[in-house]
C-alpha atoms as a PDB file:
ATOM      1  CA  MET A   1       7.862  14.027  -9.151  1.00  0.00           C
ATOM      2  CA  ASP A   2      10.108  14.387  -6.156  1.00  0.00           C
ATOM      3  CA  LEU A   3       9.883  12.358  -2.954  1.00  0.00           C
ATOM      4  CA  ARG A   4       8.129  15.087  -0.939  1.00  0.00           C
ATOM      5  CA  THR A   5       5.396  15.387  -3.570  1.00  0.00           C
ATOM      6  CA  ASN A   6       4.870  11.619  -3.617  1.00  0.00           C
ATOM      7  CA  VAL A   7       4.695  11.413   0.191  1.00  0.00           C
ATOM      8  CA  ASP A   8       2.212  14.296   0.341  1.00  0.00           C
ATOM      9  CA  GLN A   9       0.070  12.718  -2.360  1.00  0.00           C
ATOM     10  CA  LEU A  10       0.156   9.297  -0.658  1.00  0.00           C
ATOM     11  CA  ASN A  11      -0.830  10.811   2.700  1.00  0.00           C
ATOM     12  CA  GLN A  12      -3.656  12.812   1.123  1.00  0.00           C
ATOM     13  CA  MET A  13      -5.062   9.733  -0.606  1.00  0.00           C
ATOM     14  CA  ILE A  14      -5.011   7.819   2.687  1.00  0.00           C
ATOM     15  CA  LEU A  15      -6.751  10.676   4.515  1.00  0.00           C
ATOM     16  CA  GLU A  16      -9.431  10.662   1.804  1.00  0.00           C
ATOM     17  CA  GLY A  17     -10.011   6.932   2.328  1.00  0.00           C
ATOM     18  CA  LYS A  18      -8.460   6.024  -1.035  1.00  0.00           C
ATOM     19  CA  ILE A  19      -6.208   3.411   0.513  1.00  0.00           C
ATOM     20  CA  LEU A  20      -6.426   0.758  -2.202  1.00  0.00           C
ATOM     21  CA  GLU A  21      -5.982   3.385  -4.899  1.00  0.00           C
ATOM     22  CA  ALA A  22      -2.858   4.659  -3.123  1.00  0.00           C
ATOM     23  CA  PHE A  23      -1.595   1.088  -2.810  1.00  0.00           C
ATOM     24  CA  GLU A  24      -1.998   0.573  -6.556  1.00  0.00           C
ATOM     25  CA  LYS A  25      -0.252   3.817  -7.400  1.00  0.00           C
ATOM     26  CA  PHE A  26       2.684   3.822  -4.994  1.00  0.00           C
ATOM     27  CA  TYR A  27       3.554   0.225  -4.096  1.00  0.00           C
ATOM     28  CA  ALA A  28       5.799  -1.988  -6.253  1.00  0.00           C
ATOM     29  CA  ASP A  29       4.570  -5.261  -7.756  1.00  0.00           C
ATOM     30  CA  ASP A  30       7.056  -7.154  -5.560  1.00  0.00           C
ATOM     31  CA  VAL A  31       6.054  -5.401  -2.311  1.00  0.00           C
ATOM     32  CA  VAL A  32       6.556  -7.345   0.936  1.00  0.00           C
ATOM     33  CA  MET A  33       4.280  -6.579   3.891  1.00  0.00           C
ATOM     34  CA  GLN A  34       4.235  -7.912   7.421  1.00  0.00           C
ATOM     35  CA  ASP A  35       1.887  -7.154  10.308  1.00  0.00           C
ATOM     36  CA  ASN A  36       3.238  -7.679  13.818  1.00  0.00           C
ATOM     37  CA  ASP A  37       4.068 -11.362  14.371  1.00  0.00           C
ATOM     38  CA  TYR A  38       2.296 -12.640  11.259  1.00  0.00           C
ATOM     39  CA  PRO A  39       4.325 -14.080   8.369  1.00  0.00           C
ATOM     40  CA  ALA A  40       5.448 -11.730   5.630  1.00  0.00           C
ATOM     41  CA  ARG A  41       3.335 -11.577   2.463  1.00  0.00           C
ATOM     42  CA  ALA A  42       5.080 -11.008  -0.851  1.00  0.00           C
ATOM     43  CA  GLY A  43       3.565  -9.656  -4.029  1.00  0.00           C
ATOM     44  CA  LYS A  44       1.042  -6.941  -4.732  1.00  0.00           C
ATOM     45  CA  GLU A  45      -1.732  -9.378  -5.680  1.00  0.00           C
ATOM     46  CA  ILE A  46      -1.520 -11.299  -2.381  1.00  0.00           C
ATOM     47  CA  CYS A  47      -1.248  -8.148  -0.270  1.00  0.00           C
ATOM     48  CA  ARG A  48      -4.169  -6.534  -2.087  1.00  0.00           C
ATOM     49  CA  SER A  49      -6.445  -9.537  -1.657  1.00  0.00           C
ATOM     50  CA  LEU A  50      -5.762  -9.797   2.080  1.00  0.00           C
ATOM     51  CA  LYS A  51      -6.329  -6.082   2.703  1.00  0.00           C
ATOM     52  CA  LYS A  52      -9.758  -6.300   1.048  1.00  0.00           C
ATOM     53  CA  LEU A  53     -10.774  -8.852   3.668  1.00  0.00           C
ATOM     54  CA  LEU A  54     -10.183  -6.403   6.528  1.00  0.00           C
END
């Protein structure tokens, strides 16, 4: 797939409320996420577990 197709598919999944499914499909295992002034979180498992709490 090309980049445009992946971006369109990611956006569609988010619009459909399939956020965790999109995360699993498109994010790397070594993803690093940071929200505003909070410390960065590294690793898909850690990021996934914290997003489920929201």
